[in-house]
Amino acid sequence: MEAVVFVFSLLDCCVLIFLSVYFTITLSDLECDYINARSCCSKLNKWVIPELVGHTLVTVLMLISLHWFIFLLNLPVAAWNIYRYIMVPSVNMGVFDPTEIHNRGQLKSHTK
């Protein structure tokens, strides 16, 4: 059981690192005007649910395998991703909305 949890958490962490780098590169392309806001947001919104599931899965796996410290480190990240997804207004395209991404400094905050 411990080996299975380790393999799944390792694979999941690799996917989450890839998504973080992908989000950063795509948002920097938007900032430099290499792509427009609509195509950038559509690319990023399709990866929001896998990121949410990945963080939640890692958190649950750490709870199951009794790694309390790592579980406590992952819990705020999973909670923030769930909160961010739930609080999207119904008129927006998703977490990343092309009409709002340049307003109120959202581009810098999403890049961080």
PDB file of N, CA and C in Angstrom:
ATOM      1  N   MET A   1       0.824  -1.200   0.000  1.00  0.00           N
ATOM      2  CA  MET A   1       0.000   0.000   0.000  1.00  0.00           C
ATOM      3  C   MET A   1       0.865   1.260   0.000  1.00  0.00           C
ATOM      4  N   GLU A   2       1.926   1.228   0.802  1.00  0.00           N
ATOM      5  CA  GLU A   2       2.811   2.383   0.909  1.00  0.00           C
ATOM      6  C   GLU A   2       3.505   2.681  -0.418  1.00  0.00           C
ATOM      7  N   ALA A   3       3.892   1.636  -1.145  1.00  0.00           N
ATOM      8  CA  ALA A   3       4.570   1.825  -2.430  1.00  0.00           C
ATOM      9  C   ALA A   3       3.616   2.406  -3.473  1.00  0.00           C
ATOM     10  N   VAL A   4       2.369   1.974  -3.453  1.00  0.00           N
ATOM     11  CA  VAL A   4       1.377   2.482  -4.399  1.00  0.00           C
ATOM     12  C   VAL A   4       1.117   3.961  -4.142  1.00  0.00           C
ATOM     13  N   VAL A   5       0.989   4.334  -2.876  1.00  0.00           N
ATOM     14  CA  VAL A   5       0.776   5.741  -2.526  1.00  0.00           C
ATOM     15  C   VAL A   5       1.968   6.581  -2.964  1.00  0.00           C
ATOM     16  N   PHE A   6       3.179   6.037  -2.771  1.00  0.00           N
ATOM     17  CA  PHE A   6       4.377   6.767  -3.167  1.00  0.00           C
ATOM     18  C   PHE A   6       4.426   6.983  -4.675  1.00  0.00           C
ATOM     19  N   VAL A   7       4.111   5.960  -5.450  1.00  0.00           N
ATOM     20  CA  VAL A   7       4.152   6.072  -6.917  1.00  0.00           C
ATOM     21  C   VAL A   7       3.096   7.063  -7.413  1.00  0.00           C
ATOM     22  N   PHE A   8       1.875   6.974  -6.871  1.00  0.00           N
ATOM     23  CA  PHE A   8       0.825   7.904  -7.289  1.00  0.00           C
ATOM     24  C   PHE A   8       1.152   9.336  -6.894  1.00  0.00           C
ATOM     25  N   SER A   9       1.693   9.527  -5.700  1.00  0.00           N
ATOM     26  CA  SER A   9       2.013  10.886  -5.281  1.00  0.00           C
ATOM     27  C   SER A   9       3.185  11.446  -6.087  1.00  0.00           C
ATOM     28  N   LEU A  10       4.156  10.619  -6.426  1.00  0.00           N
ATOM     29  CA  LEU A  10       5.274  11.065  -7.249  1.00  0.00           C
ATOM     30  C   LEU A  10       4.812  11.451  -8.650  1.00  0.00           C
ATOM     31  N   LEU A  11       3.977  10.618  -9.246  1.00  0.00           N
ATOM     32  CA  LEU A  11       3.436  10.919 -10.571  1.00  0.00           C
ATOM     33  C   LEU A  11       2.582  12.179 -10.544  1.00  0.00           C
ATOM     34  N   ASP A  12       1.763  12.301  -9.518  1.00  0.00           N
ATOM     35  CA  ASP A  12       0.880  13.451  -9.392  1.00  0.00           C
ATOM     36  C   ASP A  12       1.683  14.728  -9.184  1.00  0.00           C
ATOM     37  N   CYS A  13       2.742  14.657  -8.394  1.00  0.00           N
ATOM     38  CA  CYS A  13       3.589  15.829  -8.179  1.00  0.00           C
ATOM     39  C   CYS A  13       4.285  16.253  -9.471  1.00  0.00           C
ATOM     40  N   CYS A  14       4.714  15.302 -10.267  1.00  0.00           N
ATOM     41  CA  CYS A  14       5.336  15.626 -11.556  1.00  0.00           C
ATOM     42  C   CYS A  14       4.349  16.319 -12.486  1.00  0.00           C
ATOM     43  N   VAL A  15       3.129  15.849 -12.511  1.00  0.00           N
ATOM     44  CA  VAL A  15       2.099  16.477 -13.337  1.00  0.00           C
ATOM     45  C   VAL A  15       1.803  17.895 -12.836  1.00  0.00           C
ATOM     46  N   LEU A  16       1.744  18.090 -11.518  1.00  0.00           N
ATOM     47  CA  LEU A  16       1.481  19.418 -10.968  1.00  0.00           C
ATOM     48  C   LEU A  16       2.620  20.391 -11.250  1.00  0.00           C
ATOM     49  N   ILE A  17       3.848  19.913 -11.231  1.00  0.00           N
ATOM     50  CA  ILE A  17       4.990  20.770 -11.583  1.00  0.00           C
ATOM     51  C   ILE A  17       4.922  21.149 -13.050  1.00  0.00           C
ATOM     52  N   PHE A  18       4.560  20.190 -13.911  1.00  0.00           N
ATOM     53  CA  PHE A  18       4.401  20.492 -15.333  1.00  0.00           C
ATOM     54  C   PHE A  18       3.317  21.552 -15.537  1.00  0.00           C
ATOM     55  N   LEU A  19       2.183  21.410 -14.838  1.00  0.00           N
ATOM     56  CA  LEU A  19       1.097  22.381 -14.985  1.00  0.00           C
ATOM     57  C   LEU A  19       1.510  23.765 -14.493  1.00  0.00           C
ATOM     58  N   SER A  20       2.279  23.824 -13.422  1.00  0.00           N
ATOM     59  CA  SER A  20       2.738  25.123 -12.925  1.00  0.00           C
ATOM     60  C   SER A  20       3.626  25.819 -13.943  1.00  0.00           C
ATOM     61  N   VAL A  21       4.526  25.072 -14.543  1.00  0.00           N
ATOM     62  CA  VAL A  21       5.409  25.647 -15.566  1.00  0.00           C
ATOM     63  C   VAL A  21       4.595  26.045 -16.802  1.00  0.00           C
ATOM     64  N   TYR A  22       3.632  25.212 -17.192  1.00  0.00           N
ATOM     65  CA  TYR A  22       2.788  25.513 -18.353  1.00  0.00           C
ATOM     66  C   TYR A  22       1.979  26.785 -18.118  1.00  0.00           C
ATOM     67  N   PHE A  23       1.391  26.938 -16.925  1.00  0.00           N
ATOM     68  CA  PHE A  23       0.622  28.140 -16.606  1.00  0.00           C
ATOM     69  C   PHE A  23       1.521  29.372 -16.653  1.00  0.00           C
ATOM     70  N   THR A  24       2.718  29.267 -16.102  1.00  0.00           N
ATOM     71  CA  THR A  24       3.626  30.409 -16.072  1.00  0.00           C
ATOM     72  C   THR A  24       4.057  30.813 -17.474  1.00  0.00           C
ATOM     73  N   ILE A  25       4.381  29.859 -18.310  1.00  0.00           N
ATOM     74  CA  ILE A  25       4.793  30.163 -19.684  1.00  0.00           C
ATOM     75  C   ILE A  25       3.641  30.768 -20.475  1.00  0.00           C
ATOM     76  N   THR A  26       2.455  30.210 -20.339  1.00  0.00           N
ATOM     77  CA  THR A  26       1.306  30.729 -21.088  1.00  0.00           C
ATOM     78  C   THR A  26       0.951  32.144 -20.639  1.00  0.00           C
ATOM     79  N   LEU A  27       0.990  32.404 -19.346  1.00  0.00           N
ATOM     80  CA  LEU A  27       0.688  33.749 -18.860  1.00  0.00           C
ATOM     81  C   LEU A  27       1.775  34.751 -19.230  1.00  0.00           C
ATOM     82  N   SER A  28       3.018  34.318 -19.281  1.00  0.00           N
ATOM     83  CA  SER A  28       4.075  35.238 -19.724  1.00  0.00           C
ATOM     84  C   SER A  28       3.953  35.523 -21.221  1.00  0.00           C
ATOM     85  N   ASP A  29       3.496  34.551 -22.007  1.00  0.00           N
ATOM     86  CA  ASP A  29       3.221  34.805 -23.423  1.00  0.00           C
ATOM     87  C   ASP A  29       2.104  35.829 -23.583  1.00  0.00           C
ATOM     88  N   LEU A  30       1.096  35.760 -22.739  1.00  0.00           N
ATOM     89  CA  LEU A  30       0.015  36.743 -22.777  1.00  0.00           C
ATOM     90  C   LEU A  30       0.541  38.123 -22.395  1.00  0.00           C
ATOM     91  N   GLU A  31       1.396  38.172 -21.400  1.00  0.00           N
ATOM     92  CA  GLU A  31       1.944  39.451 -20.957  1.00  0.00           C
ATOM     93  C   GLU A  31       2.799  40.097 -22.042  1.00  0.00           C
ATOM     94  N   CYS A  32       3.502  39.284 -22.808  1.00  0.00           N
ATOM     95  CA  CYS A  32       4.360  39.810 -23.884  1.00  0.00           C
ATOM     96  C   CYS A  32       3.599  39.975 -25.203  1.00  0.00           C
ATOM     97  N   ASP A  33       2.298  39.719 -25.204  1.00  0.00           N
ATOM     98  CA  ASP A  33       1.435  39.848 -26.382  1.00  0.00           C
ATOM     99  C   ASP A  33       1.780  38.879 -27.498  1.00  0.00           C
ATOM    100  N   TYR A  34       2.269  37.698 -27.155  1.00  0.00           N
ATOM    101  CA  TYR A  34       2.485  36.662 -28.161  1.00  0.00           C
ATOM    102  C   TYR A  34       1.180  35.930 -28.504  1.00  0.00           C
ATOM    103  N   ILE A  35       0.255  35.867 -27.551  1.00  0.00           N
ATOM    104  CA  ILE A  35      -1.063  35.284 -27.790  1.00  0.00           C
ATOM    105  C   ILE A  35      -2.112  36.234 -27.237  1.00  0.00           C
ATOM    106  N   ASN A  36      -3.333  36.098 -27.736  1.00  0.00           N
ATOM    107  CA  ASN A  36      -4.379  36.975 -27.247  1.00  0.00           C
ATOM    108  C   ASN A  36      -5.018  36.394 -25.976  1.00  0.00           C
ATOM    109  N   ALA A  37      -5.788  37.223 -25.299  1.00  0.00           N
ATOM    110  CA  ALA A  37      -6.335  36.845 -23.992  1.00  0.00           C
ATOM    111  C   ALA A  37      -7.316  35.687 -24.101  1.00  0.00           C
ATOM    112  N   ARG A  38      -8.116  35.653 -25.154  1.00  0.00           N
ATOM    113  CA  ARG A  38      -9.127  34.598 -25.283  1.00  0.00           C
ATOM    114  C   ARG A  38      -8.487  33.220 -25.451  1.00  0.00           C
ATOM    115  N   SER A  39      -7.489  33.109 -26.325  1.00  0.00           N
ATOM    116  CA  SER A  39      -6.853  31.804 -26.516  1.00  0.00           C
ATOM    117  C   SER A  39      -6.047  31.393 -25.290  1.00  0.00           C
ATOM    118  N   CYS A  40      -5.424  32.365 -24.610  1.00  0.00           N
ATOM    119  CA  CYS A  40      -4.683  32.056 -23.392  1.00  0.00           C
ATOM    120  C   CYS A  40      -5.616  31.511 -22.317  1.00  0.00           C
ATOM    121  N   CYS A  41      -6.736  32.180 -22.099  1.00  0.00           N
ATOM    122  CA  CYS A  41      -7.662  31.747 -21.053  1.00  0.00           C
ATOM    123  C   CYS A  41      -8.320  30.417 -21.392  1.00  0.00           C
ATOM    124  N   SER A  42      -8.597  30.167 -22.661  1.00  0.00           N
ATOM    125  CA  SER A  42      -9.191  28.875 -23.012  1.00  0.00           C
ATOM    126  C   SER A  42      -8.192  27.739 -22.799  1.00  0.00           C
ATOM    127  N   LYS A  43      -6.891  28.005 -23.081  1.00  0.00           N
ATOM    128  CA  LYS A  43      -5.867  26.995 -22.823  1.00  0.00           C
ATOM    129  C   LYS A  43      -5.739  26.703 -21.329  1.00  0.00           C
ATOM    130  N   LEU A  44      -5.745  27.749 -20.519  1.00  0.00           N
ATOM    131  CA  LEU A  44      -5.544  27.574 -19.083  1.00  0.00           C
ATOM    132  C   LEU A  44      -6.761  26.990 -18.381  1.00  0.00           C
ATOM    133  N   ASN A  45      -7.953  27.361 -18.825  1.00  0.00           N
ATOM    134  CA  ASN A  45      -9.170  26.877 -18.166  1.00  0.00           C
ATOM    135  C   ASN A  45      -9.378  25.380 -18.341  1.00  0.00           C
ATOM    136  N   LYS A  46      -8.824  24.817 -19.403  1.00  0.00           N
ATOM    137  CA  LYS A  46      -9.008  23.379 -19.586  1.00  0.00           C
ATOM    138  C   LYS A  46      -8.132  22.571 -18.629  1.00  0.00           C
ATOM    139  N   TRP A  47      -7.145  23.212 -17.979  1.00  0.00           N
ATOM    140  CA  TRP A  47      -6.270  22.524 -17.030  1.00  0.00           C
ATOM    141  C   TRP A  47      -6.586  22.839 -15.576  1.00  0.00           C
ATOM    142  N   VAL A  48      -7.623  23.629 -15.307  1.00  0.00           N
ATOM    143  CA  VAL A  48      -7.962  23.993 -13.927  1.00  0.00           C
ATOM    144  C   VAL A  48      -8.486  22.779 -13.159  1.00  0.00           C
ATOM    145  N   ILE A  49      -9.382  22.017 -13.764  1.00  0.00           N
ATOM    146  CA  ILE A  49      -9.943  20.840 -13.085  1.00  0.00           C
ATOM    147  C   ILE A  49      -8.869  19.780 -12.823  1.00  0.00           C
ATOM    148  N   PRO A  50      -7.992  19.439 -13.790  1.00  0.00           N
ATOM    149  CA  PRO A  50      -6.933  18.481 -13.454  1.00  0.00           C
ATOM    150  C   PRO A  50      -6.008  18.963 -12.336  1.00  0.00           C
ATOM    151  N   GLU A  51      -5.725  20.257 -12.290  1.00  0.00           N
ATOM    152  CA  GLU A  51      -4.905  20.787 -11.197  1.00  0.00           C
ATOM    153  C   GLU A  51      -5.625  20.650  -9.864  1.00  0.00           C
ATOM    154  N   LEU A  52      -6.906  20.952  -9.861  1.00  0.00           N
ATOM    155  CA  LEU A  52      -7.711  20.823  -8.651  1.00  0.00           C
ATOM    156  C   LEU A  52      -7.763  19.376  -8.170  1.00  0.00           C
ATOM    157  N   VAL A  53      -7.991  18.463  -9.075  1.00  0.00           N
ATOM    158  CA  VAL A  53      -8.040  17.038  -8.734  1.00  0.00           C
ATOM    159  C   VAL A  53      -6.658  16.559  -8.273  1.00  0.00           C
ATOM    160  N   GLY A  54      -5.607  17.020  -8.914  1.00  0.00           N
ATOM    161  CA  GLY A  54      -4.258  16.610  -8.541  1.00  0.00           C
ATOM    162  C   GLY A  54      -3.886  17.023  -7.126  1.00  0.00           C
ATOM    163  N   HIS A  55      -4.143  18.285  -6.797  1.00  0.00           N
ATOM    164  CA  HIS A  55      -3.822  18.740  -5.449  1.00  0.00           C
ATOM    165  C   HIS A  55      -4.667  18.028  -4.398  1.00  0.00           C
ATOM    166  N   THR A  56      -5.928  17.824  -4.706  1.00  0.00           N
ATOM    167  CA  THR A  56      -6.794  17.135  -3.755  1.00  0.00           C
ATOM    168  C   THR A  56      -6.380  15.677  -3.603  1.00  0.00           C
ATOM    169  N   LEU A  57      -5.997  15.034  -4.698  1.00  0.00           N
ATOM    170  CA  LEU A  57      -5.557  13.644  -4.642  1.00  0.00           C
ATOM    171  C   LEU A  57      -4.280  13.490  -3.816  1.00  0.00           C
ATOM    172  N   VAL A  58      -3.315  14.391  -4.013  1.00  0.00           N
ATOM    173  CA  VAL A  58      -2.086  14.335  -3.222  1.00  0.00           C
ATOM    174  C   VAL A  58      -2.393  14.518  -1.741  1.00  0.00           C
ATOM    175  N   THR A  59      -3.280  15.442  -1.440  1.00  0.00           N
ATOM    176  CA  THR A  59      -3.639  15.689  -0.045  1.00  0.00           C
ATOM    177  C   THR A  59      -4.293  14.469   0.579  1.00  0.00           C
ATOM    178  N   VAL A  60      -5.212  13.837  -0.134  1.00  0.00           N
ATOM    179  CA  VAL A  60      -5.887  12.639   0.393  1.00  0.00           C
ATOM    180  C   VAL A  60      -4.903  11.483   0.522  1.00  0.00           C
ATOM    181  N   LEU A  61      -4.005  11.324  -0.448  1.00  0.00           N
ATOM    182  CA  LEU A  61      -3.012  10.248  -0.361  1.00  0.00           C
ATOM    183  C   LEU A  61      -2.075  10.434   0.832  1.00  0.00           C
ATOM    184  N   MET A  62      -1.719  11.666   1.120  1.00  0.00           N
ATOM    185  CA  MET A  62      -0.865  11.910   2.284  1.00  0.00           C
ATOM    186  C   MET A  62      -1.620  11.640   3.582  1.00  0.00           C
ATOM    187  N   LEU A  63      -2.898  11.898   3.591  1.00  0.00           N
ATOM    188  CA  LEU A  63      -3.715  11.594   4.770  1.00  0.00           C
ATOM    189  C   LEU A  63      -3.839  10.088   4.959  1.00  0.00           C
ATOM    190  N   ILE A  64      -4.054   9.363   3.867  1.00  0.00           N
ATOM    191  CA  ILE A  64      -4.196   7.909   3.945  1.00  0.00           C
ATOM    192  C   ILE A  64      -2.895   7.250   4.391  1.00  0.00           C
ATOM    193  N   SER A  65      -1.770   7.752   3.884  1.00  0.00           N
ATOM    194  CA  SER A  65      -0.484   7.132   4.230  1.00  0.00           C
ATOM    195  C   SER A  65       0.111   7.676   5.530  1.00  0.00           C
ATOM    196  N   LEU A  66      -0.636   8.521   6.223  1.00  0.00           N
ATOM    197  CA  LEU A  66      -0.265   9.051   7.540  1.00  0.00           C
ATOM    198  C   LEU A  66       1.006   9.907   7.521  1.00  0.00           C
ATOM    199  N   HIS A  67       1.210  10.627   6.444  1.00  0.00           N
ATOM    200  CA  HIS A  67       2.282  11.615   6.370  1.00  0.00           C
ATOM    201  C   HIS A  67       1.679  12.960   6.777  1.00  0.00           C
ATOM    202  N   TRP A  68       1.626  13.202   8.072  1.00  0.00           N
ATOM    203  CA  TRP A  68       0.873  14.335   8.608  1.00  0.00           C
ATOM    204  C   TRP A  68       1.469  15.674   8.224  1.00  0.00           C
ATOM    205  N   PHE A  69       2.772  15.800   8.270  1.00  0.00           N
ATOM    206  CA  PHE A  69       3.394  17.084   7.962  1.00  0.00           C
ATOM    207  C   PHE A  69       3.152  17.483   6.510  1.00  0.00           C
ATOM    208  N   ILE A  70       3.340  16.552   5.588  1.00  0.00           N
ATOM    209  CA  ILE A  70       3.110  16.848   4.168  1.00  0.00           C
ATOM    210  C   ILE A  70       1.619  17.082   3.910  1.00  0.00           C
ATOM    211  N   PHE A  71       0.773  16.344   4.619  1.00  0.00           N
ATOM    212  CA  PHE A  71      -0.668  16.574   4.507  1.00  0.00           C
ATOM    213  C   PHE A  71      -1.015  17.999   4.931  1.00  0.00           C
ATOM    214  N   LEU A  72      -0.449  18.453   6.046  1.00  0.00           N
ATOM    215  CA  LEU A  72      -0.734  19.812   6.520  1.00  0.00           C
ATOM    216  C   LEU A  72      -0.167  20.880   5.588  1.00  0.00           C
ATOM    217  N   LEU A  73       0.914  20.573   4.884  1.00  0.00           N
ATOM    218  CA  LEU A  73       1.449  21.510   3.892  1.00  0.00           C
ATOM    219  C   LEU A  73       0.569  21.587   2.647  1.00  0.00           C
ATOM    220  N   ASN A  74      -0.010  20.460   2.237  1.00  0.00           N
ATOM    221  CA  ASN A  74      -0.831  20.419   1.030  1.00  0.00           C
ATOM    222  C   ASN A  74      -2.266  20.877   1.263  1.00  0.00           C
ATOM    223  N   LEU A  75      -2.730  20.815   2.484  1.00  0.00           N
ATOM    224  CA  LEU A  75      -4.119  21.162   2.771  1.00  0.00           C
ATOM    225  C   LEU A  75      -4.485  22.598   2.390  1.00  0.00           C
ATOM    226  N   PRO A  76      -3.681  23.620   2.716  1.00  0.00           N
ATOM    227  CA  PRO A  76      -4.046  24.981   2.284  1.00  0.00           C
ATOM    228  C   PRO A  76      -4.056  25.152   0.771  1.00  0.00           C
ATOM    229  N   VAL A  77      -3.160  24.482   0.065  1.00  0.00           N
ATOM    230  CA  VAL A  77      -3.123  24.598  -1.400  1.00  0.00           C
ATOM    231  C   VAL A  77      -4.383  23.982  -2.008  1.00  0.00           C
ATOM    232  N   ALA A  78      -4.769  22.818  -1.515  1.00  0.00           N
ATOM    233  CA  ALA A  78      -5.989  22.175  -2.021  1.00  0.00           C
ATOM    234  C   ALA A  78      -7.212  23.010  -1.685  1.00  0.00           C
ATOM    235  N   ALA A  79      -7.253  23.553  -0.476  1.00  0.00           N
ATOM    236  CA  ALA A  79      -8.396  24.391  -0.078  1.00  0.00           C
ATOM    237  C   ALA A  79      -8.457  25.659  -0.926  1.00  0.00           C
ATOM    238  N   TRP A  80      -7.309  26.268  -1.216  1.00  0.00           N
ATOM    239  CA  TRP A  80      -7.287  27.475  -2.051  1.00  0.00           C
ATOM    240  C   TRP A  80      -7.770  27.166  -3.462  1.00  0.00           C
ATOM    241  N   ASN A  81      -7.349  26.040  -4.038  1.00  0.00           N
ATOM    242  CA  ASN A  81      -7.795  25.683  -5.385  1.00  0.00           C
ATOM    243  C   ASN A  81      -9.294  25.426  -5.424  1.00  0.00           C
ATOM    244  N   ILE A  82      -9.824  24.773  -4.415  1.00  0.00           N
ATOM    245  CA  ILE A  82     -11.274  24.542  -4.357  1.00  0.00           C
ATOM    246  C   ILE A  82     -12.011  25.865  -4.215  1.00  0.00           C
ATOM    247  N   TYR A  83     -11.533  26.728  -3.341  1.00  0.00           N
ATOM    248  CA  TYR A  83     -12.153  28.047  -3.142  1.00  0.00           C
ATOM    249  C   TYR A  83     -12.117  28.875  -4.425  1.00  0.00           C
ATOM    250  N   ARG A  84     -10.964  28.867  -5.098  1.00  0.00           N
ATOM    251  CA  ARG A  84     -10.815  29.634  -6.342  1.00  0.00           C
ATOM    252  C   ARG A  84     -11.785  29.144  -7.407  1.00  0.00           C
ATOM    253  N   TYR A  85     -11.986  27.821  -7.484  1.00  0.00           N
ATOM    254  CA  TYR A  85     -12.890  27.263  -8.486  1.00  0.00           C
ATOM    255  C   TYR A  85     -14.352  27.548  -8.144  1.00  0.00           C
ATOM    256  N   ILE A  86     -14.705  27.472  -6.867  1.00  0.00           N
ATOM    257  CA  ILE A  86     -16.091  27.694  -6.454  1.00  0.00           C
ATOM    258  C   ILE A  86     -16.493  29.157  -6.602  1.00  0.00           C
ATOM    259  N   MET A  87     -15.579  30.083  -6.366  1.00  0.00           N
ATOM    260  CA  MET A  87     -15.900  31.506  -6.353  1.00  0.00           C
ATOM    261  C   MET A  87     -15.882  32.173  -7.733  1.00  0.00           C
ATOM    262  N   VAL A  88     -15.799  31.420  -8.795  1.00  0.00           N
ATOM    263  CA  VAL A  88     -15.839  31.999 -10.145  1.00  0.00           C
ATOM    264  C   VAL A  88     -17.257  32.479 -10.425  1.00  0.00           C
ATOM    265  N   PRO A  89     -17.431  33.757 -10.821  1.00  0.00           N
ATOM    266  CA  PRO A  89     -18.775  34.232 -11.171  1.00  0.00           C
ATOM    267  C   PRO A  89     -19.334  33.458 -12.367  1.00  0.00           C
ATOM    268  N   SER A  90     -20.644  33.330 -12.399  1.00  0.00           N
ATOM    269  CA  SER A  90     -21.281  32.518 -13.434  1.00  0.00           C
ATOM    270  C   SER A  90     -21.140  33.120 -14.833  1.00  0.00           C
ATOM    271  N   VAL A  91     -20.890  34.413 -14.933  1.00  0.00           N
ATOM    272  CA  VAL A  91     -20.766  35.041 -16.250  1.00  0.00           C
ATOM    273  C   VAL A  91     -19.357  34.887 -16.824  1.00  0.00           C
ATOM    274  N   ASN A  92     -18.403  34.484 -16.012  1.00  0.00           N
ATOM    275  CA  ASN A  92     -17.028  34.322 -16.491  1.00  0.00           C
ATOM    276  C   ASN A  92     -16.863  33.035 -17.280  1.00  0.00           C
ATOM    277  N   MET A  93     -15.838  33.009 -18.096  1.00  0.00           N
ATOM    278  CA  MET A  93     -15.514  31.854 -18.923  1.00  0.00           C
ATOM    279  C   MET A  93     -14.946  30.718 -18.071  1.00  0.00           C
ATOM    280  N   GLY A  94     -14.361  31.053 -16.964  1.00  0.00           N
ATOM    281  CA  GLY A  94     -13.758  30.094 -16.048  1.00  0.00           C
ATOM    282  C   GLY A  94     -12.920  30.846 -15.028  1.00  0.00           C
ATOM    283  N   VAL A  95     -11.981  30.156 -14.417  1.00  0.00           N
ATOM    284  CA  VAL A  95     -11.098  30.814 -13.449  1.00  0.00           C
ATOM    285  C   VAL A  95     -10.306  31.917 -14.140  1.00  0.00           C
ATOM    286  N   PHE A  96      -9.872  31.657 -15.348  1.00  0.00           N
ATOM    287  CA  PHE A  96      -9.180  32.652 -16.155  1.00  0.00           C
ATOM    288  C   PHE A  96     -10.177  33.204 -17.166  1.00  0.00           C
ATOM    289  N   ASP A  97     -10.510  34.487 -17.029  1.00  0.00           N
ATOM    290  CA  ASP A  97     -11.492  35.114 -17.916  1.00  0.00           C
ATOM    291  C   ASP A  97     -10.799  36.170 -18.765  1.00  0.00           C
ATOM    292  N   PRO A  98     -10.986  36.127 -20.109  1.00  0.00           N
ATOM    293  CA  PRO A  98     -10.264  37.061 -20.977  1.00  0.00           C
ATOM    294  C   PRO A  98     -10.649  38.521 -20.767  1.00  0.00           C
ATOM    295  N   THR A  99     -11.872  38.796 -20.324  1.00  0.00           N
ATOM    296  CA  THR A  99     -12.267  40.190 -20.149  1.00  0.00           C
ATOM    297  C   THR A  99     -11.720  40.785 -18.852  1.00  0.00           C
ATOM    298  N   GLU A 100     -11.353  39.934 -17.904  1.00  0.00           N
ATOM    299  CA  GLU A 100     -10.882  40.438 -16.618  1.00  0.00           C
ATOM    300  C   GLU A 100      -9.399  40.189 -16.352  1.00  0.00           C
ATOM    301  N   ILE A 101      -8.720  39.454 -17.202  1.00  0.00           N
ATOM    302  CA  ILE A 101      -7.344  39.063 -16.875  1.00  0.00           C
ATOM    303  C   ILE A 101      -6.387  40.250 -16.883  1.00  0.00           C
ATOM    304  N   HIS A 102      -6.659  41.284 -17.665  1.00  0.00           N
ATOM    305  CA  HIS A 102      -5.799  42.462 -17.671  1.00  0.00           C
ATOM    306  C   HIS A 102      -6.258  43.502 -16.654  1.00  0.00           C
ATOM    307  N   ASN A 103      -7.475  43.386 -16.146  1.00  0.00           N
ATOM    308  CA  ASN A 103      -7.989  44.341 -15.160  1.00  0.00           C
ATOM    309  C   ASN A 103      -7.502  43.983 -13.760  1.00  0.00           C
ATOM    310  N   ARG A 104      -7.348  44.973 -12.944  1.00  0.00           N
ATOM    311  CA  ARG A 104      -7.039  44.825 -11.516  1.00  0.00           C
ATOM    312  C   ARG A 104      -5.790  44.006 -11.230  1.00  0.00           C
ATOM    313  N   GLY A 105      -4.857  43.956 -12.138  1.00  0.00           N
ATOM    314  CA  GLY A 105      -3.608  43.250 -11.892  1.00  0.00           C
ATOM    315  C   GLY A 105      -3.742  41.747 -11.781  1.00  0.00           C
ATOM    316  N   GLN A 106      -4.783  41.162 -12.383  1.00  0.00           N
ATOM    317  CA  GLN A 106      -4.979  39.723 -12.278  1.00  0.00           C
ATOM    318  C   GLN A 106      -3.901  38.934 -13.004  1.00  0.00           C
ATOM    319  N   LEU A 107      -3.339  39.510 -14.042  1.00  0.00           N
ATOM    320  CA  LEU A 107      -2.303  38.806 -14.789  1.00  0.00           C
ATOM    321  C   LEU A 107      -1.080  38.540 -13.901  1.00  0.00           C
ATOM    322  N   LYS A 108      -0.679  39.529 -13.135  1.00  0.00           N
ATOM    323  CA  LYS A 108       0.468  39.355 -12.225  1.00  0.00           C
ATOM    324  C   LYS A 108       0.132  38.378 -11.107  1.00  0.00           C
ATOM    325  N   SER A 109      -1.095  38.457 -10.576  1.00  0.00           N
ATOM    326  CA  SER A 109      -1.444  37.554  -9.478  1.00  0.00           C
ATOM    327  C   SER A 109      -1.583  36.112  -9.962  1.00  0.00           C
ATOM    328  N   HIS A 110      -2.099  35.899 -11.165  1.00  0.00           N
ATOM    329  CA  HIS A 110      -2.189  34.552 -11.709  1.00  0.00           C
ATOM    330  C   HIS A 110      -0.798  33.985 -12.011  1.00  0.00           C
ATOM    331  N   THR A 111       0.119  34.853 -12.454  1.00  0.00           N
ATOM    332  CA  THR A 111       1.470  34.401 -12.743  1.00  0.00           C
ATOM    333  C   THR A 111       2.187  33.968 -11.457  1.00  0.00           C
ATOM    334  N   LYS A 112       1.930  34.671 -10.378  1.00  0.00           N
ATOM    335  CA  LYS A 112       2.550  34.303  -9.092  1.00  0.00           C
ATOM    336  C   LYS A 112       2.004  32.988  -8.630  1.00  0.00           C
TER     337      LYS A 112
END
